[in-house]
PDB file of all heavy atoms in Angstrom:
ATOM      1  N   LEU A   1      15.228  -5.428   9.353  1.00  0.00           N
ATOM      2  CA  LEU A   1      13.901  -5.089   8.841  1.00  0.00           C
ATOM      3  C   LEU A   1      12.846  -6.130   9.218  1.00  0.00           C
ATOM      4  O   LEU A   1      11.799  -5.844   9.765  1.00  0.00           O
ATOM      5  CB  LEU A   1      13.926  -4.898   7.323  1.00  0.00           C
ATOM      6  CG  LEU A   1      14.549  -3.590   6.796  1.00  0.00           C
ATOM      7  CD1 LEU A   1      14.852  -3.715   5.317  1.00  0.00           C
ATOM      8  CD2 LEU A   1      13.629  -2.410   7.081  1.00  0.00           C
ATOM      9  N   ASN A   2      13.183  -7.370   8.899  1.00  0.00           N
ATOM     10  CA  ASN A   2      12.224  -8.444   9.151  1.00  0.00           C
ATOM     11  C   ASN A   2      12.025  -8.711  10.641  1.00  0.00           C
ATOM     12  O   ASN A   2      10.962  -9.158  11.062  1.00  0.00           O
ATOM     13  CB  ASN A   2      12.643  -9.722   8.400  1.00  0.00           C
ATOM     14  CG  ASN A   2      12.469  -9.562   6.887  1.00  0.00           C
ATOM     15  OD1 ASN A   2      11.396  -9.339   6.411  1.00  0.00           O
ATOM     16  ND2 ASN A   2      13.573  -9.617   6.163  1.00  0.00           N
ATOM     17  N   SER A   3      13.070  -8.450  11.419  1.00  0.00           N
ATOM     18  CA  SER A   3      12.899  -8.562  12.898  1.00  0.00           C
ATOM     19  C   SER A   3      11.887  -7.533  13.389  1.00  0.00           C
ATOM     20  O   SER A   3      11.025  -7.850  14.246  1.00  0.00           O
ATOM     21  CB  SER A   3      14.242  -8.360  13.579  1.00  0.00           C
ATOM     22  OG  SER A   3      15.130  -9.400  13.266  1.00  0.00           O
ATOM     23  N   CYS A   4      11.983  -6.311  12.843  1.00  0.00           N
ATOM     24  CA  CYS A   4      11.015  -5.259  13.198  1.00  0.00           C
ATOM     25  C   CYS A   4       9.615  -5.618  12.737  1.00  0.00           C
ATOM     26  O   CYS A   4       8.647  -5.351  13.466  1.00  0.00           O
ATOM     27  CB  CYS A   4      11.467  -3.933  12.588  1.00  0.00           C
ATOM     28  SG  CYS A   4      12.914  -3.204  13.374  1.00  0.00           S
ATOM     29  N   PHE A   5       9.508  -6.191  11.559  1.00  0.00           N
ATOM     30  CA  PHE A   5       8.188  -6.550  11.050  1.00  0.00           C
ATOM     31  C   PHE A   5       7.524  -7.592  11.938  1.00  0.00           C
ATOM     32  O   PHE A   5       6.299  -7.609  12.092  1.00  0.00           O
ATOM     33  CB  PHE A   5       8.305  -7.133   9.596  1.00  0.00           C
ATOM     34  CG  PHE A   5       8.832  -6.143   8.601  1.00  0.00           C
ATOM     35  CD1 PHE A   5       9.440  -6.598   7.444  1.00  0.00           C
ATOM     36  CD2 PHE A   5       8.693  -4.784   8.791  1.00  0.00           C
ATOM     37  CE1 PHE A   5       9.934  -5.692   6.478  1.00  0.00           C
ATOM     38  CE2 PHE A   5       9.201  -3.855   7.855  1.00  0.00           C
ATOM     39  CZ  PHE A   5       9.801  -4.337   6.693  1.00  0.00           C
ATOM     40  N   LEU A   6       8.323  -8.467  12.531  1.00  0.00           N
ATOM     41  CA  LEU A   6       7.795  -9.522  13.403  1.00  0.00           C
ATOM     42  C   LEU A   6       7.510  -8.990  14.827  1.00  0.00           C
ATOM     43  O   LEU A   6       6.479  -9.347  15.438  1.00  0.00           O
ATOM     44  CB  LEU A   6       8.783 -10.689  13.475  1.00  0.00           C
ATOM     45  CG  LEU A   6       8.931 -11.537  12.233  1.00  0.00           C
ATOM     46  CD1 LEU A   6      10.092 -12.503  12.372  1.00  0.00           C
ATOM     47  CD2 LEU A   6       7.623 -12.308  11.943  1.00  0.00           C
ATOM     48  N   LEU A   7       8.430  -8.157  15.327  1.00  0.00           N
ATOM     49  CA  LEU A   7       8.304  -7.659  16.720  1.00  0.00           C
ATOM     50  C   LEU A   7       7.397  -6.457  16.847  1.00  0.00           C
ATOM     51  O   LEU A   7       6.732  -6.259  17.877  1.00  0.00           O
ATOM     52  CB  LEU A   7       9.684  -7.338  17.279  1.00  0.00           C
ATOM     53  CG  LEU A   7      10.662  -8.495  17.354  1.00  0.00           C
ATOM     54  CD1 LEU A   7      12.056  -7.999  17.760  1.00  0.00           C
ATOM     55  CD2 LEU A   7      10.155  -9.558  18.344  1.00  0.00           C
ATOM     56  N   LEU A   8       7.344  -5.642  15.817  1.00  0.00           N
ATOM     57  CA  LEU A   8       6.528  -4.418  15.817  1.00  0.00           C
ATOM     58  C   LEU A   8       5.672  -4.373  14.525  1.00  0.00           C
ATOM     59  O   LEU A   8       5.831  -3.495  13.677  1.00  0.00           O
ATOM     60  CB  LEU A   8       7.364  -3.163  15.915  1.00  0.00           C
ATOM     61  CG  LEU A   8       8.132  -2.977  17.215  1.00  0.00           C
ATOM     62  CD1 LEU A   8       9.180  -1.861  17.055  1.00  0.00           C
ATOM     63  CD2 LEU A   8       7.186  -2.653  18.370  1.00  0.00           C
ATOM     64  N   PRO A   9       4.762  -5.332  14.360  1.00  0.00           N
ATOM     65  CA  PRO A   9       3.986  -5.373  13.144  1.00  0.00           C
ATOM     66  C   PRO A   9       3.091  -4.138  13.016  1.00  0.00           C
ATOM     67  O   PRO A   9       2.166  -3.930  13.790  1.00  0.00           O
ATOM     68  CB  PRO A   9       3.127  -6.637  13.341  1.00  0.00           C
ATOM     69  CG  PRO A   9       3.070  -6.858  14.806  1.00  0.00           C
ATOM     70  CD  PRO A   9       4.377  -6.354  15.321  1.00  0.00           C
ATOM     71  N   SER A  10       3.399  -3.310  12.030  1.00  0.00           N
ATOM     72  CA  SER A  10       2.694  -2.021  11.917  1.00  0.00           C
ATOM     73  C   SER A  10       1.984  -1.914  10.570  1.00  0.00           C
ATOM     74  O   SER A  10       2.238  -2.683   9.640  1.00  0.00           O
ATOM     75  CB  SER A  10       3.703  -0.882  12.027  1.00  0.00           C
ATOM     76  OG  SER A  10       4.716  -0.986  11.047  1.00  0.00           O
ATOM     77  N   GLU A  11       1.087  -0.930  10.502  1.00  0.00           N
ATOM     78  CA  GLU A  11       0.353  -0.676   9.263  1.00  0.00           C
ATOM     79  C   GLU A  11       0.128   0.818   9.086  1.00  0.00           C
ATOM     80  O   GLU A  11       0.252   1.594  10.045  1.00  0.00           O
ATOM     81  CB  GLU A  11      -1.007  -1.389   9.295  1.00  0.00           C
ATOM     82  CG  GLU A  11      -1.940  -0.945  10.395  1.00  0.00           C
ATOM     83  CD  GLU A  11      -3.253  -1.652  10.355  1.00  0.00           C
ATOM     84  OE1 GLU A  11      -3.553  -2.302   9.371  1.00  0.00           O
ATOM     85  OE2 GLU A  11      -4.018  -1.504  11.350  1.00  0.00           O
ATOM     86  N   TYR A  12      -0.181   1.203   7.868  1.00  0.00           N
ATOM     87  CA  TYR A  12      -0.463   2.609   7.560  1.00  0.00           C
ATOM     88  C   TYR A  12      -1.790   2.627   6.826  1.00  0.00           C
ATOM     89  O   TYR A  12      -1.884   2.372   5.616  1.00  0.00           O
ATOM     90  CB  TYR A  12       0.636   3.197   6.672  1.00  0.00           C
ATOM     91  CG  TYR A  12       0.541   4.686   6.396  1.00  0.00           C
ATOM     92  CD1 TYR A  12      -0.493   5.455   6.921  1.00  0.00           C
ATOM     93  CD2 TYR A  12       1.478   5.313   5.599  1.00  0.00           C
ATOM     94  CE1 TYR A  12      -0.585   6.813   6.666  1.00  0.00           C
ATOM     95  CE2 TYR A  12       1.401   6.652   5.343  1.00  0.00           C
ATOM     96  CZ  TYR A  12       0.364   7.397   5.860  1.00  0.00           C
ATOM     97  OH  TYR A  12       0.289   8.752   5.630  1.00  0.00           O
ATOM     98  N   PRO A  13      -2.889   2.899   7.519  1.00  0.00           N
ATOM     99  CA  PRO A  13      -4.221   2.896   6.919  1.00  0.00           C
ATOM    100  C   PRO A  13      -4.302   3.778   5.675  1.00  0.00           C
ATOM    101  O   PRO A  13      -3.810   4.926   5.683  1.00  0.00           O
ATOM    102  CB  PRO A  13      -5.126   3.402   8.044  1.00  0.00           C
ATOM    103  CG  PRO A  13      -4.394   3.122   9.303  1.00  0.00           C
ATOM    104  CD  PRO A  13      -2.923   3.313   8.969  1.00  0.00           C
ATOM    105  N   ARG A  14      -4.889   3.238   4.606  1.00  0.00           N
ATOM    106  CA  ARG A  14      -4.985   4.016   3.362  1.00  0.00           C
ATOM    107  C   ARG A  14      -6.427   4.425   3.100  1.00  0.00           C
ATOM    108  O   ARG A  14      -7.374   3.710   3.460  1.00  0.00           O
ATOM    109  CB  ARG A  14      -4.500   3.177   2.196  1.00  0.00           C
ATOM    110  CG  ARG A  14      -3.038   2.805   2.212  1.00  0.00           C
ATOM    111  CD  ARG A  14      -2.747   1.790   1.133  1.00  0.00           C
ATOM    112  NE  ARG A  14      -1.344   1.383   1.114  1.00  0.00           N
ATOM    113  CZ  ARG A  14      -0.926   0.264   0.570  1.00  0.00           C
ATOM    114  NH1 ARG A  14      -1.819  -0.596   0.039  1.00  0.00           N
ATOM    115  NH2 ARG A  14       0.351  -0.032   0.553  1.00  0.00           N
ATOM    116  N   SER A  15      -6.558   5.561   2.403  1.00  0.00           N
ATOM    117  CA  SER A  15      -7.882   5.959   1.966  1.00  0.00           C
ATOM    118  C   SER A  15      -8.209   5.288   0.617  1.00  0.00           C
ATOM    119  O   SER A  15      -7.282   4.794  -0.064  1.00  0.00           O
ATOM    120  CB  SER A  15      -7.934   7.475   1.808  1.00  0.00           C
ATOM    121  OG  SER A  15      -6.930   7.908   0.907  1.00  0.00           O
ATOM    122  N   THR A  16      -9.441   5.291   0.251  1.00  0.00           N
ATOM    123  CA  THR A  16      -9.856   4.669  -0.978  1.00  0.00           C
ATOM    124  C   THR A  16      -9.310   5.398  -2.207  1.00  0.00           C
ATOM    125  O   THR A  16      -9.266   6.627  -2.238  1.00  0.00           O
ATOM    126  CB  THR A  16     -11.408   4.605  -1.074  1.00  0.00           C
ATOM    127  OG1 THR A  16     -11.904   3.958   0.080  1.00  0.00           O
ATOM    128  CG2 THR A  16     -11.849   3.846  -2.323  1.00  0.00           C
ATOM    129  N   LEU A  17      -8.903   4.643  -3.190  1.00  0.00           N
ATOM    130  CA  LEU A  17      -8.380   5.235  -4.430  1.00  0.00           C
ATOM    131  C   LEU A  17      -9.217   4.694  -5.591  1.00  0.00           C
ATOM    132  O   LEU A  17      -9.358   3.483  -5.766  1.00  0.00           O
ATOM    133  CB  LEU A  17      -6.909   4.879  -4.622  1.00  0.00           C
ATOM    134  CG  LEU A  17      -6.283   5.306  -5.964  1.00  0.00           C
ATOM    135  CD1 LEU A  17      -6.234   6.831  -6.072  1.00  0.00           C
ATOM    136  CD2 LEU A  17      -4.886   4.705  -6.117  1.00  0.00           C
ATOM    137  N   GLU A  18      -9.808   5.647  -6.366  1.00  0.00           N
ATOM    138  CA  GLU A  18     -10.537   5.256  -7.568  1.00  0.00           C
ATOM    139  C   GLU A  18      -9.740   5.726  -8.784  1.00  0.00           C
ATOM    140  O   GLU A  18      -9.802   6.894  -9.170  1.00  0.00           O
ATOM    141  CB  GLU A  18     -11.923   5.916  -7.561  1.00  0.00           C
ATOM    142  CG  GLU A  18     -12.796   5.403  -6.384  1.00  0.00           C
ATOM    143  CD  GLU A  18     -14.168   6.051  -6.400  1.00  0.00           C
ATOM    144  OE1 GLU A  18     -14.451   6.832  -7.348  1.00  0.00           O
ATOM    145  OE2 GLU A  18     -14.977   5.725  -5.515  1.00  0.00           O
ATOM    146  N   PRO A  19      -8.973   4.820  -9.377  1.00  0.00           N
ATOM    147  CA  PRO A  19      -8.016   5.199 -10.436  1.00  0.00           C
ATOM    148  C   PRO A  19      -8.682   5.671 -11.736  1.00  0.00           C
ATOM    149  O   PRO A  19      -9.632   5.043 -12.215  1.00  0.00           O
ATOM    150  CB  PRO A  19      -7.208   3.956 -10.649  1.00  0.00           C
ATOM    151  CG  PRO A  19      -8.091   2.818 -10.229  1.00  0.00           C
ATOM    152  CD  PRO A  19      -8.907   3.370  -9.087  1.00  0.00           C
ATOM    153  N   THR A  20      -8.170   6.744 -12.291  1.00  0.00           N
ATOM    154  CA  THR A  20      -8.619   7.216 -13.597  1.00  0.00           C
ATOM    155  C   THR A  20      -7.447   7.492 -14.523  1.00  0.00           C
ATOM    156  O   THR A  20      -7.579   7.402 -15.762  1.00  0.00           O
ATOM    157  CB  THR A  20      -9.441   8.525 -13.471  1.00  0.00           C
ATOM    158  OG1 THR A  20      -8.650   9.489 -12.760  1.00  0.00           O
ATOM    159  CG2 THR A  20     -10.731   8.253 -12.660  1.00  0.00           C
ATOM    160  N   THR A  21      -6.274   7.804 -13.968  1.00  0.00           N
ATOM    161  CA  THR A  21      -5.103   8.083 -14.801  1.00  0.00           C
ATOM    162  C   THR A  21      -4.137   6.903 -14.768  1.00  0.00           C
ATOM    163  O   THR A  21      -4.333   5.982 -13.963  1.00  0.00           O
ATOM    164  CB  THR A  21      -4.341   9.313 -14.280  1.00  0.00           C
ATOM    165  OG1 THR A  21      -3.810   9.012 -12.972  1.00  0.00           O
ATOM    166  CG2 THR A  21      -5.291  10.525 -14.162  1.00  0.00           C
ATOM    167  N   MET A  22      -3.142   6.926 -15.646  1.00  0.00           N
ATOM    168  CA  MET A  22      -2.139   5.851 -15.673  1.00  0.00           C
ATOM    169  C   MET A  22      -1.420   5.743 -14.332  1.00  0.00           C
ATOM    170  O   MET A  22      -1.185   4.642 -13.824  1.00  0.00           O
ATOM    171  CB  MET A  22      -1.147   6.106 -16.791  1.00  0.00           C
ATOM    172  CG  MET A  22      -1.655   5.876 -18.180  1.00  0.00           C
ATOM    173  SD  MET A  22      -1.855   4.075 -18.515  1.00  0.00           S
ATOM    174  CE  MET A  22      -0.151   3.570 -18.551  1.00  0.00           C
ATOM    175  N   SER A  23      -1.060   6.879 -13.760  1.00  0.00           N
ATOM    176  CA  SER A  23      -0.326   6.870 -12.479  1.00  0.00           C
ATOM    177  C   SER A  23      -1.218   6.300 -11.387  1.00  0.00           C
ATOM    178  O   SER A  23      -0.754   5.506 -10.552  1.00  0.00           O
ATOM    179  CB  SER A  23       0.066   8.319 -12.110  1.00  0.00           C
ATOM    180  OG  SER A  23       1.007   8.826 -13.029  1.00  0.00           O
ATOM    181  N   GLU A  24      -2.467   6.662 -11.398  1.00  0.00           N
ATOM    182  CA  GLU A  24      -3.392   6.131 -10.362  1.00  0.00           C
ATOM    183  C   GLU A  24      -3.638   4.627 -10.547  1.00  0.00           C
ATOM    184  O   GLU A  24      -3.756   3.897  -9.554  1.00  0.00           O
ATOM    185  CB  GLU A  24      -4.738   6.872 -10.440  1.00  0.00           C
ATOM    186  CG  GLU A  24      -4.643   8.338  -9.953  1.00  0.00           C
ATOM    187  CD  GLU A  24      -5.903   9.124 -10.179  1.00  0.00           C
ATOM    188  OE1 GLU A  24      -6.748   8.652 -10.988  1.00  0.00           O
ATOM    189  OE2 GLU A  24      -6.062  10.189  -9.581  1.00  0.00           O
ATOM    190  N   ARG A  25      -3.667   4.156 -11.799  1.00  0.00           N
ATOM    191  CA  ARG A  25      -3.849   2.718 -12.014  1.00  0.00           C
ATOM    192  C   ARG A  25      -2.622   1.961 -11.504  1.00  0.00           C
ATOM    193  O   ARG A  25      -2.746   0.899 -10.924  1.00  0.00           O
ATOM    194  CB  ARG A  25      -4.063   2.465 -13.495  1.00  0.00           C
ATOM    195  CG  ARG A  25      -5.423   2.969 -14.038  1.00  0.00           C
ATOM    196  CD  ARG A  25      -5.678   2.492 -15.460  1.00  0.00           C
ATOM    197  NE  ARG A  25      -6.937   3.023 -15.970  1.00  0.00           N
ATOM    198  CZ  ARG A  25      -7.028   4.128 -16.711  1.00  0.00           C
ATOM    199  NH1 ARG A  25      -5.918   4.785 -17.067  1.00  0.00           N
ATOM    200  NH2 ARG A  25      -8.202   4.548 -17.134  1.00  0.00           N
ATOM    201  N   LEU A  26      -1.440   2.491 -11.789  1.00  0.00           N
ATOM    202  CA  LEU A  26      -0.209   1.842 -11.299  1.00  0.00           C
ATOM    203  C   LEU A  26      -0.181   1.856  -9.775  1.00  0.00           C
ATOM    204  O   LEU A  26       0.210   0.872  -9.152  1.00  0.00           O
ATOM    205  CB  LEU A  26       1.013   2.499 -11.870  1.00  0.00           C
ATOM    206  CG  LEU A  26       2.370   1.957 -11.409  1.00  0.00           C
ATOM    207  CD1 LEU A  26       2.468   0.440 -11.750  1.00  0.00           C
ATOM    208  CD2 LEU A  26       3.532   2.709 -12.045  1.00  0.00           C
ATOM    209  N   LEU A  27      -0.594   2.962  -9.177  1.00  0.00           N
ATOM    210  CA  LEU A  27      -0.634   3.060  -7.722  1.00  0.00           C
ATOM    211  C   LEU A  27      -1.656   2.105  -7.115  1.00  0.00           C
ATOM    212  O   LEU A  27      -1.391   1.420  -6.128  1.00  0.00           O
ATOM    213  CB  LEU A  27      -0.952   4.486  -7.281  1.00  0.00           C
ATOM    214  CG  LEU A  27      -1.025   4.731  -5.783  1.00  0.00           C
ATOM    215  CD1 LEU A  27       0.302   4.312  -5.121  1.00  0.00           C
ATOM    216  CD2 LEU A  27      -1.320   6.190  -5.480  1.00  0.00           C
ATOM    217  N   SER A  28      -2.795   1.965  -7.790  1.00  0.00           N
ATOM    218  CA  SER A  28      -3.830   1.024  -7.325  1.00  0.00           C
ATOM    219  C   SER A  28      -3.275  -0.399  -7.370  1.00  0.00           C
ATOM    220  O   SER A  28      -3.514  -1.200  -6.447  1.00  0.00           O
ATOM    221  CB  SER A  28      -5.086   1.141  -8.229  1.00  0.00           C
ATOM    222  OG  SER A  28      -6.079   0.235  -7.776  1.00  0.00           O
ATOM    223  N   TRP A  29      -2.567  -0.738  -8.443  1.00  0.00           N
ATOM    224  CA  TRP A  29      -1.960  -2.043  -8.527  1.00  0.00           C
ATOM    225  C   TRP A  29      -0.919  -2.254  -7.449  1.00  0.00           C
ATOM    226  O   TRP A  29      -0.822  -3.343  -6.840  1.00  0.00           O
ATOM    227  CB  TRP A  29      -1.340  -2.266  -9.918  1.00  0.00           C
ATOM    228  CG  TRP A  29      -0.567  -3.525 -10.051  1.00  0.00           C
ATOM    229  CD1 TRP A  29      -1.076  -4.753 -10.351  1.00  0.00           C
ATOM    230  CD2 TRP A  29       0.832  -3.714  -9.840  1.00  0.00           C
ATOM    231  NE1 TRP A  29      -0.070  -5.724 -10.367  1.00  0.00           N
ATOM    232  CE2 TRP A  29       1.103  -5.116 -10.049  1.00  0.00           C
ATOM    233  CE3 TRP A  29       1.906  -2.883  -9.513  1.00  0.00           C
ATOM    234  CZ2 TRP A  29       2.407  -5.605  -9.950  1.00  0.00           C
ATOM    235  CZ3 TRP A  29       3.177  -3.392  -9.420  1.00  0.00           C
ATOM    236  CH2 TRP A  29       3.420  -4.774  -9.600  1.00  0.00           C
ATOM    237  N   THR A  30      -0.144  -1.219  -7.180  1.00  0.00           N
ATOM    238  CA  THR A  30       0.859  -1.280  -6.134  1.00  0.00           C
ATOM    239  C   THR A  30       0.211  -1.559  -4.773  1.00  0.00           C
ATOM    240  O   THR A  30       0.709  -2.395  -4.027  1.00  0.00           O
ATOM    241  CB  THR A  30       1.661   0.033  -6.062  1.00  0.00           C
ATOM    242  OG1 THR A  30       2.253   0.289  -7.341  1.00  0.00           O
ATOM    243  CG2 THR A  30       2.742  -0.057  -4.998  1.00  0.00           C
ATOM    244  N   TYR A  31      -0.875  -0.875  -4.521  1.00  0.00           N
ATOM    245  CA  TYR A  31      -1.613  -1.103  -3.254  1.00  0.00           C
ATOM    246  C   TYR A  31      -2.096  -2.555  -3.156  1.00  0.00           C
ATOM    247  O   TYR A  31      -2.073  -3.144  -2.077  1.00  0.00           O
ATOM    248  CB  TYR A  31      -2.841  -0.176  -3.161  1.00  0.00           C
ATOM    249  CG  TYR A  31      -2.533   1.260  -2.819  1.00  0.00           C
ATOM    250  CD1 TYR A  31      -3.513   2.241  -2.909  1.00  0.00           C
ATOM    251  CD2 TYR A  31      -1.240   1.653  -2.426  1.00  0.00           C
ATOM    252  CE1 TYR A  31      -3.258   3.555  -2.563  1.00  0.00           C
ATOM    253  CE2 TYR A  31      -0.952   2.965  -2.116  1.00  0.00           C
ATOM    254  CZ  TYR A  31      -1.971   3.940  -2.187  1.00  0.00           C
ATOM    255  OH  TYR A  31      -1.731   5.256  -1.864  1.00  0.00           O
ATOM    256  N   SER A  32      -2.541  -3.134  -4.313  1.00  0.00           N
ATOM    257  CA  SER A  32      -3.075  -4.479  -4.250  1.00  0.00           C
ATOM    258  C   SER A  32      -2.000  -5.508  -4.027  1.00  0.00           C
ATOM    259  O   SER A  32      -2.234  -6.567  -3.440  1.00  0.00           O
ATOM    260  CB  SER A  32      -3.811  -4.771  -5.578  1.00  0.00           C
ATOM    261  OG  SER A  32      -2.872  -4.827  -6.678  1.00  0.00           O
ATOM    262  N   VAL A  33      -0.780  -5.214  -4.516  1.00  0.00           N
ATOM    263  CA  VAL A  33       0.345  -6.156  -4.359  1.00  0.00           C
ATOM    264  C   VAL A  33       0.995  -6.015  -3.007  1.00  0.00           C
ATOM    265  O   VAL A  33       1.348  -6.987  -2.357  1.00  0.00           O
ATOM    266  CB  VAL A  33       1.372  -5.942  -5.494  1.00  0.00           C
ATOM    267  CG1 VAL A  33       2.630  -6.771  -5.222  1.00  0.00           C
ATOM    268  CG2 VAL A  33       0.779  -6.273  -6.830  1.00  0.00           C
TER     269      VAL A  33
END
């Protein structure tokens, strides 16, 4: 896994999330971490 992260550094662009529910707040925190 870490070899791939170094050799093929990739990303998955995210759209903006404006949390209002408990699930959305936890997801927003997950995105920040």
